Amino acid sequence: MSRPLADRIALALAGSITEARTKAKTNKSALAFQVGVTPSAVSRWEDGTRRPSIDNLVVLAAALGTTFGALTACIDHKERSS
């Protein structure tokens, strides 16, 4: 049985955040400081157990040198390929 849609979205977004952070060559603590959250919040976003708010996604994208659209594009792309 496939995962519920919300779980698939959370995992797709988690992968996108991790990939963008790795590409930006920053660590979770530094990113958390830039976004104004705790390092554990970034960890939860990256493991898919929590999703950042829209406001945090906008700040997160800017901190990672990308756009909101690029950061969240994985959701639509991965849903179409499922």
PDB file of N, CA and C in Angstrom:
ATOM      1  N   MET A   1       0.850  -1.171   0.000  1.00  0.00           N
ATOM      2  CA  MET A   1       0.000   0.000   0.000  1.00  0.00           C
ATOM      3  C   MET A   1       0.901   1.242   0.000  1.00  0.00           C
ATOM      4  N   SER A   2       0.512   2.262  -0.743  1.00  0.00           N
ATOM      5  CA  SER A   2       1.332   3.469  -0.812  1.00  0.00           C
ATOM      6  C   SER A   2       1.094   4.340   0.426  1.00  0.00           C
ATOM      7  N   ARG A   3       2.044   5.214   0.660  1.00  0.00           N
ATOM      8  CA  ARG A   3       1.953   6.128   1.798  1.00  0.00           C
ATOM      9  C   ARG A   3       0.866   7.163   1.539  1.00  0.00           C
ATOM     10  N   PRO A   4       0.290   7.717   2.604  1.00  0.00           N
ATOM     11  CA  PRO A   4      -0.672   8.812   2.436  1.00  0.00           C
ATOM     12  C   PRO A   4       0.008  10.010   1.769  1.00  0.00           C
ATOM     13  N   LEU A   5      -0.781  10.792   1.066  1.00  0.00           N
ATOM     14  CA  LEU A   5      -0.271  11.948   0.333  1.00  0.00           C
ATOM     15  C   LEU A   5       0.534  12.887   1.233  1.00  0.00           C
ATOM     16  N   ALA A   6       0.051  13.182   2.416  1.00  0.00           N
ATOM     17  CA  ALA A   6       0.762  14.101   3.323  1.00  0.00           C
ATOM     18  C   ALA A   6       2.152  13.575   3.657  1.00  0.00           C
ATOM     19  N   ASP A   7       2.289  12.270   3.834  1.00  0.00           N
ATOM     20  CA  ASP A   7       3.594  11.682   4.122  1.00  0.00           C
ATOM     21  C   ASP A   7       4.520  11.783   2.917  1.00  0.00           C
ATOM     22  N   ARG A   8       3.992  11.539   1.734  1.00  0.00           N
ATOM     23  CA  ARG A   8       4.814  11.635   0.515  1.00  0.00           C
ATOM     24  C   ARG A   8       5.274  13.066   0.291  1.00  0.00           C
ATOM     25  N   ILE A   9       4.398  14.023   0.553  1.00  0.00           N
ATOM     26  CA  ILE A   9       4.772  15.437   0.415  1.00  0.00           C
ATOM     27  C   ILE A   9       5.862  15.795   1.415  1.00  0.00           C
ATOM     28  N   ALA A  10       5.702  15.373   2.654  1.00  0.00           N
ATOM     29  CA  ALA A  10       6.697  15.668   3.693  1.00  0.00           C
ATOM     30  C   ALA A  10       8.055  15.088   3.322  1.00  0.00           C
ATOM     31  N   LEU A  11       8.088  13.877   2.804  1.00  0.00           N
ATOM     32  CA  LEU A  11       9.352  13.255   2.428  1.00  0.00           C
ATOM     33  C   LEU A  11       9.978  13.935   1.212  1.00  0.00           C
ATOM     34  N   ALA A  12       9.158  14.339   0.249  1.00  0.00           N
ATOM     35  CA  ALA A  12       9.681  15.047  -0.926  1.00  0.00           C
ATOM     36  C   ALA A  12      10.276  16.382  -0.511  1.00  0.00           C
ATOM     37  N   LEU A  13       9.585  17.102   0.331  1.00  0.00           N
ATOM     38  CA  LEU A  13      10.083  18.395   0.802  1.00  0.00           C
ATOM     39  C   LEU A  13      11.340  18.211   1.642  1.00  0.00           C
ATOM     40  N   ALA A  14      11.365  17.183   2.477  1.00  0.00           N
ATOM     41  CA  ALA A  14      12.544  16.896   3.300  1.00  0.00           C
ATOM     42  C   ALA A  14      13.770  16.685   2.425  1.00  0.00           C
ATOM     43  N   GLY A  15      13.604  15.916   1.373  1.00  0.00           N
ATOM     44  CA  GLY A  15      14.715  15.670   0.457  1.00  0.00           C
ATOM     45  C   GLY A  15      15.176  16.934  -0.234  1.00  0.00           C
ATOM     46  N   SER A  16      14.232  17.774  -0.595  1.00  0.00           N
ATOM     47  CA  SER A  16      14.563  19.033  -1.266  1.00  0.00           C
ATOM     48  C   SER A  16      15.332  19.967  -0.333  1.00  0.00           C
ATOM     49  N   ILE A  17      14.920  20.041   0.916  1.00  0.00           N
ATOM     50  CA  ILE A  17      15.608  20.896   1.892  1.00  0.00           C
ATOM     51  C   ILE A  17      17.023  20.378   2.126  1.00  0.00           C
ATOM     52  N   THR A  18      17.151  19.074   2.314  1.00  0.00           N
ATOM     53  CA  THR A  18      18.467  18.482   2.540  1.00  0.00           C
ATOM     54  C   THR A  18      19.384  18.722   1.345  1.00  0.00           C
ATOM     55  N   GLU A  19      18.860  18.501   0.167  1.00  0.00           N
ATOM     56  CA  GLU A  19      19.647  18.695  -1.054  1.00  0.00           C
ATOM     57  C   GLU A  19      20.097  20.154  -1.199  1.00  0.00           C
ATOM     58  N   ALA A  20      19.185  21.087  -0.959  1.00  0.00           N
ATOM     59  CA  ALA A  20      19.518  22.512  -1.076  1.00  0.00           C
ATOM     60  C   ALA A  20      20.544  22.919  -0.021  1.00  0.00           C
ATOM     61  N   ARG A  21      20.419  22.387   1.195  1.00  0.00           N
ATOM     62  CA  ARG A  21      21.374  22.719   2.253  1.00  0.00           C
ATOM     63  C   ARG A  21      22.756  22.171   1.919  1.00  0.00           C
ATOM     64  N   THR A  22      22.796  20.963   1.413  1.00  0.00           N
ATOM     65  CA  THR A  22      24.069  20.356   1.032  1.00  0.00           C
ATOM     66  C   THR A  22      24.714  21.144  -0.111  1.00  0.00           C
ATOM     67  N   LYS A  23      23.907  21.506  -1.087  1.00  0.00           N
ATOM     68  CA  LYS A  23      24.410  22.283  -2.225  1.00  0.00           C
ATOM     69  C   LYS A  23      24.933  23.650  -1.764  1.00  0.00           C
ATOM     70  N   ALA A  24      24.282  24.240  -0.780  1.00  0.00           N
ATOM     71  CA  ALA A  24      24.703  25.540  -0.241  1.00  0.00           C
ATOM     72  C   ALA A  24      25.917  25.412   0.681  1.00  0.00           C
ATOM     73  N   LYS A  25      26.317  24.184   0.963  1.00  0.00           N
ATOM     74  CA  LYS A  25      27.486  23.902   1.812  1.00  0.00           C
ATOM     75  C   LYS A  25      27.365  24.566   3.186  1.00  0.00           C
ATOM     76  N   THR A  26      26.219  24.359   3.795  1.00  0.00           N
ATOM     77  CA  THR A  26      26.001  24.882   5.145  1.00  0.00           C
ATOM     78  C   THR A  26      25.549  23.737   6.049  1.00  0.00           C
ATOM     79  N   ASN A  27      25.695  23.913   7.334  1.00  0.00           N
ATOM     80  CA  ASN A  27      25.248  22.869   8.254  1.00  0.00           C
ATOM     81  C   ASN A  27      23.900  23.265   8.871  1.00  0.00           C
ATOM     82  N   LYS A  28      23.310  22.325   9.577  1.00  0.00           N
ATOM     83  CA  LYS A  28      21.976  22.544  10.150  1.00  0.00           C
ATOM     84  C   LYS A  28      21.962  23.691  11.156  1.00  0.00           C
ATOM     85  N   SER A  29      22.997  23.800  11.959  1.00  0.00           N
ATOM     86  CA  SER A  29      23.037  24.866  12.971  1.00  0.00           C
ATOM     87  C   SER A  29      23.103  26.245  12.334  1.00  0.00           C
ATOM     88  N   ALA A  30      23.952  26.398  11.328  1.00  0.00           N
ATOM     89  CA  ALA A  30      24.080  27.691  10.651  1.00  0.00           C
ATOM     90  C   ALA A  30      22.783  28.053   9.934  1.00  0.00           C
ATOM     91  N   LEU A  31      22.172  27.069   9.297  1.00  0.00           N
ATOM     92  CA  LEU A  31      20.907  27.313   8.602  1.00  0.00           C
ATOM     93  C   LEU A  31      19.817  27.691   9.601  1.00  0.00           C
ATOM     94  N   ALA A  32      19.763  26.984  10.709  1.00  0.00           N
ATOM     95  CA  ALA A  32      18.764  27.280  11.740  1.00  0.00           C
ATOM     96  C   ALA A  32      18.902  28.719  12.231  1.00  0.00           C
ATOM     97  N   PHE A  33      20.139  29.157  12.438  1.00  0.00           N
ATOM     98  CA  PHE A  33      20.387  30.522  12.888  1.00  0.00           C
ATOM     99  C   PHE A  33      19.867  31.528  11.862  1.00  0.00           C
ATOM    100  N   GLN A  34      20.129  31.273  10.579  1.00  0.00           N
ATOM    101  CA  GLN A  34      19.677  32.183   9.518  1.00  0.00           C
ATOM    102  C   GLN A  34      18.157  32.250   9.431  1.00  0.00           C
ATOM    103  N   VAL A  35      17.506  31.118   9.650  1.00  0.00           N
ATOM    104  CA  VAL A  35      16.044  31.059   9.528  1.00  0.00           C
ATOM    105  C   VAL A  35      15.358  31.517  10.813  1.00  0.00           C
ATOM    106  N   GLY A  36      16.058  31.431  11.934  1.00  0.00           N
ATOM    107  CA  GLY A  36      15.477  31.834  13.210  1.00  0.00           C
ATOM    108  C   GLY A  36      14.735  30.713  13.908  1.00  0.00           C
ATOM    109  N   VAL A  37      15.237  29.487  13.718  1.00  0.00           N
ATOM    110  CA  VAL A  37      14.651  28.315  14.365  1.00  0.00           C
ATOM    111  C   VAL A  37      15.783  27.548  15.049  1.00  0.00           C
ATOM    112  N   THR A  38      15.442  26.471  15.717  1.00  0.00           N
ATOM    113  CA  THR A  38      16.460  25.643  16.363  1.00  0.00           C
ATOM    114  C   THR A  38      17.030  24.635  15.367  1.00  0.00           C
ATOM    115  N   PRO A  39      18.249  24.161  15.620  1.00  0.00           N
ATOM    116  CA  PRO A  39      18.805  23.122  14.758  1.00  0.00           C
ATOM    117  C   PRO A  39      17.929  21.861  14.722  1.00  0.00           C
ATOM    118  N   SER A  40      17.259  21.568  15.831  1.00  0.00           N
ATOM    119  CA  SER A  40      16.391  20.391  15.840  1.00  0.00           C
ATOM    120  C   SER A  40      15.186  20.576  14.913  1.00  0.00           C
ATOM    121  N   ALA A  41      14.729  21.820  14.733  1.00  0.00           N
ATOM    122  CA  ALA A  41      13.642  22.072  13.785  1.00  0.00           C
ATOM    123  C   ALA A  41      14.109  21.739  12.367  1.00  0.00           C
ATOM    124  N   VAL A  42      15.318  22.159  12.026  1.00  0.00           N
ATOM    125  CA  VAL A  42      15.863  21.844  10.693  1.00  0.00           C
ATOM    126  C   VAL A  42      15.986  20.330  10.542  1.00  0.00           C
ATOM    127  N   SER A  43      16.453  19.654  11.571  1.00  0.00           N
ATOM    128  CA  SER A  43      16.566  18.188  11.524  1.00  0.00           C
ATOM    129  C   SER A  43      15.215  17.532  11.274  1.00  0.00           C
ATOM    130  N   ARG A  44      14.184  18.019  11.950  1.00  0.00           N
ATOM    131  CA  ARG A  44      12.840  17.443  11.769  1.00  0.00           C
ATOM    132  C   ARG A  44      12.309  17.713  10.361  1.00  0.00           C
ATOM    133  N   TRP A  45      12.632  18.896   9.809  1.00  0.00           N
ATOM    134  CA  TRP A  45      12.223  19.179   8.429  1.00  0.00           C
ATOM    135  C   TRP A  45      12.921  18.232   7.478  1.00  0.00           C
ATOM    136  N   GLU A  46      14.199  17.966   7.735  1.00  0.00           N
ATOM    137  CA  GLU A  46      14.982  17.122   6.835  1.00  0.00           C
ATOM    138  C   GLU A  46      14.664  15.636   6.975  1.00  0.00           C
ATOM    139  N   ASP A  47      14.158  15.216   8.123  1.00  0.00           N
ATOM    140  CA  ASP A  47      13.788  13.797   8.221  1.00  0.00           C
ATOM    141  C   ASP A  47      12.304  13.573   7.923  1.00  0.00           C
ATOM    142  N   GLY A  48      11.597  14.661   7.646  1.00  0.00           N
ATOM    143  CA  GLY A  48      10.202  14.547   7.212  1.00  0.00           C
ATOM    144  C   GLY A  48       9.191  14.391   8.318  1.00  0.00           C
ATOM    145  N   THR A  49       9.615  14.524   9.577  1.00  0.00           N
ATOM    146  CA  THR A  49       8.654  14.384  10.672  1.00  0.00           C
ATOM    147  C   THR A  49       7.859  15.660  10.913  1.00  0.00           C
ATOM    148  N   ARG A  50       8.378  16.772  10.434  1.00  0.00           N
ATOM    149  CA  ARG A  50       7.683  18.068  10.514  1.00  0.00           C
ATOM    150  C   ARG A  50       7.863  18.797   9.190  1.00  0.00           C
ATOM    151  N   ARG A  51       6.956  19.715   8.918  1.00  0.00           N
ATOM    152  CA  ARG A  51       7.070  20.548   7.724  1.00  0.00           C
ATOM    153  C   ARG A  51       7.177  22.001   8.140  1.00  0.00           C
ATOM    154  N   PRO A  52       8.060  22.747   7.479  1.00  0.00           N
ATOM    155  CA  PRO A  52       8.181  24.171   7.813  1.00  0.00           C
ATOM    156  C   PRO A  52       6.923  24.932   7.399  1.00  0.00           C
ATOM    157  N   SER A  53       6.639  26.002   8.102  1.00  0.00           N
ATOM    158  CA  SER A  53       5.515  26.860   7.728  1.00  0.00           C
ATOM    159  C   SER A  53       5.848  27.538   6.400  1.00  0.00           C
ATOM    160  N   ILE A  54       4.853  28.116   5.774  1.00  0.00           N
ATOM    161  CA  ILE A  54       5.075  28.854   4.526  1.00  0.00           C
ATOM    162  C   ILE A  54       6.077  29.980   4.767  1.00  0.00           C
ATOM    163  N   ASP A  55       5.903  30.706   5.854  1.00  0.00           N
ATOM    164  CA  ASP A  55       6.845  31.791   6.183  1.00  0.00           C
ATOM    165  C   ASP A  55       8.269  31.266   6.316  1.00  0.00           C
ATOM    166  N   ASN A  56       8.435  30.136   7.017  1.00  0.00           N
ATOM    167  CA  ASN A  56       9.767  29.566   7.173  1.00  0.00           C
ATOM    168  C   ASN A  56      10.316  29.059   5.841  1.00  0.00           C
ATOM    169  N   LEU A  57       9.457  28.549   4.977  1.00  0.00           N
ATOM    170  CA  LEU A  57       9.922  28.103   3.663  1.00  0.00           C
ATOM    171  C   LEU A  57      10.477  29.261   2.842  1.00  0.00           C
ATOM    172  N   VAL A  58       9.836  30.408   2.919  1.00  0.00           N
ATOM    173  CA  VAL A  58      10.305  31.585   2.182  1.00  0.00           C
ATOM    174  C   VAL A  58      11.685  32.007   2.699  1.00  0.00           C
ATOM    175  N   VAL A  59      11.841  32.084   4.019  1.00  0.00           N
ATOM    176  CA  VAL A  59      13.126  32.472   4.611  1.00  0.00           C
ATOM    177  C   VAL A  59      14.171  31.388   4.343  1.00  0.00           C
ATOM    178  N   LEU A  60      13.765  30.143   4.444  1.00  0.00           N
ATOM    179  CA  LEU A  60      14.652  29.017   4.187  1.00  0.00           C
ATOM    180  C   LEU A  60      15.204  29.069   2.764  1.00  0.00           C
ATOM    181  N   ALA A  61      14.333  29.306   1.806  1.00  0.00           N
ATOM    182  CA  ALA A  61      14.765  29.393   0.408  1.00  0.00           C
ATOM    183  C   ALA A  61      15.785  30.509   0.225  1.00  0.00           C
ATOM    184  N   ALA A  62      15.517  31.664   0.796  1.00  0.00           N
ATOM    185  CA  ALA A  62      16.452  32.790   0.683  1.00  0.00           C
ATOM    186  C   ALA A  62      17.792  32.457   1.335  1.00  0.00           C
ATOM    187  N   ALA A  63      17.760  31.828   2.497  1.00  0.00           N
ATOM    188  CA  ALA A  63      18.989  31.469   3.207  1.00  0.00           C
ATOM    189  C   ALA A  63      19.806  30.454   2.414  1.00  0.00           C
ATOM    190  N   LEU A  64      19.136  29.635   1.629  1.00  0.00           N
ATOM    191  CA  LEU A  64      19.825  28.607   0.849  1.00  0.00           C
ATOM    192  C   LEU A  64      20.175  29.074  -0.567  1.00  0.00           C
ATOM    193  N   GLY A  65      19.849  30.330  -0.865  1.00  0.00           N
ATOM    194  CA  GLY A  65      20.181  30.860  -2.183  1.00  0.00           C
ATOM    195  C   GLY A  65      19.342  30.288  -3.296  1.00  0.00           C
ATOM    196  N   THR A  66      18.106  29.943  -2.989  1.00  0.00           N
ATOM    197  CA  THR A  66      17.192  29.404  -3.985  1.00  0.00           C
ATOM    198  C   THR A  66      15.860  30.131  -3.863  1.00  0.00           C
ATOM    199  N   THR A  67      14.848  29.653  -4.548  1.00  0.00           N
ATOM    200  CA  THR A  67      13.530  30.273  -4.466  1.00  0.00           C
ATOM    201  C   THR A  67      12.540  29.330  -3.798  1.00  0.00           C
ATOM    202  N   PHE A  68      11.450  29.906  -3.354  1.00  0.00           N
ATOM    203  CA  PHE A  68      10.364  29.105  -2.774  1.00  0.00           C
ATOM    204  C   PHE A  68       9.900  28.070  -3.800  1.00  0.00           C
ATOM    205  N   GLY A  69       9.723  28.515  -5.037  1.00  0.00           N
ATOM    206  CA  GLY A  69       9.258  27.612  -6.096  1.00  0.00           C
ATOM    207  C   GLY A  69      10.213  26.460  -6.345  1.00  0.00           C
ATOM    208  N   ALA A  70      11.497  26.761  -6.368  1.00  0.00           N
ATOM    209  CA  ALA A  70      12.488  25.706  -6.585  1.00  0.00           C
ATOM    210  C   ALA A  70      12.517  24.740  -5.413  1.00  0.00           C
ATOM    211  N   LEU A  71      12.387  25.257  -4.212  1.00  0.00           N
ATOM    212  CA  LEU A  71      12.433  24.418  -3.019  1.00  0.00           C
ATOM    213  C   LEU A  71      11.225  23.486  -2.947  1.00  0.00           C
ATOM    214  N   THR A  72      10.078  23.960  -3.403  1.00  0.00           N
ATOM    215  CA  THR A  72       8.857  23.158  -3.307  1.00  0.00           C
ATOM    216  C   THR A  72       8.481  22.457  -4.609  1.00  0.00           C
ATOM    217  N   ALA A  73       9.226  22.677  -5.676  1.00  0.00           N
ATOM    218  CA  ALA A  73       8.915  22.046  -6.969  1.00  0.00           C
ATOM    219  C   ALA A  73       8.977  20.532  -6.882  1.00  0.00           C
ATOM    220  N   CYS A  74       9.783  20.013  -5.978  1.00  0.00           N
ATOM    221  CA  CYS A  74       9.924  18.566  -5.835  1.00  0.00           C
ATOM    222  C   CYS A  74       8.596  17.898  -5.505  1.00  0.00           C
ATOM    223  N   ILE A  75       7.728  18.607  -4.834  1.00  0.00           N
ATOM    224  CA  ILE A  75       6.453  18.030  -4.417  1.00  0.00           C
ATOM    225  C   ILE A  75       5.639  17.643  -5.631  1.00  0.00           C
ATOM    226  N   ASP A  76       5.450  18.561  -6.548  1.00  0.00           N
ATOM    227  CA  ASP A  76       4.683  18.295  -7.758  1.00  0.00           C
ATOM    228  C   ASP A  76       5.384  17.257  -8.620  1.00  0.00           C
ATOM    229  N   HIS A  77       6.697  17.395  -8.779  1.00  0.00           N
ATOM    230  CA  HIS A  77       7.459  16.482  -9.632  1.00  0.00           C
ATOM    231  C   HIS A  77       7.363  15.041  -9.117  1.00  0.00           C
ATOM    232  N   LYS A  78       7.553  14.836  -7.832  1.00  0.00           N
ATOM    233  CA  LYS A  78       7.537  13.492  -7.276  1.00  0.00           C
ATOM    234  C   LYS A  78       6.129  12.913  -7.252  1.00  0.00           C
ATOM    235  N   GLU A  79       5.125  13.754  -7.106  1.00  0.00           N
ATOM    236  CA  GLU A  79       3.755  13.264  -7.146  1.00  0.00           C
ATOM    237  C   GLU A  79       3.388  12.782  -8.546  1.00  0.00           C
ATOM    238  N   ARG A  80       3.846  13.480  -9.566  1.00  0.00           N
ATOM    239  CA  ARG A  80       3.551  13.080 -10.942  1.00  0.00           C
ATOM    240  C   ARG A  80       4.239  11.771 -11.309  1.00  0.00           C
ATOM    241  N   SER A  81       5.400  11.518 -10.713  1.00  0.00           N
ATOM    242  CA  SER A  81       6.140  10.309 -11.058  1.00  0.00           C
ATOM    243  C   SER A  81       5.740   9.115 -10.200  1.00  0.00           C
ATOM    244  N   SER A  82       4.841   9.306  -9.221  1.00  0.00           N
ATOM    245  CA  SER A  82       4.401   8.194  -8.355  1.00  0.00           C
ATOM    246  C   SER A  82       3.301   7.407  -9.017  1.00  0.00           C
TER     247      SER A  82
END
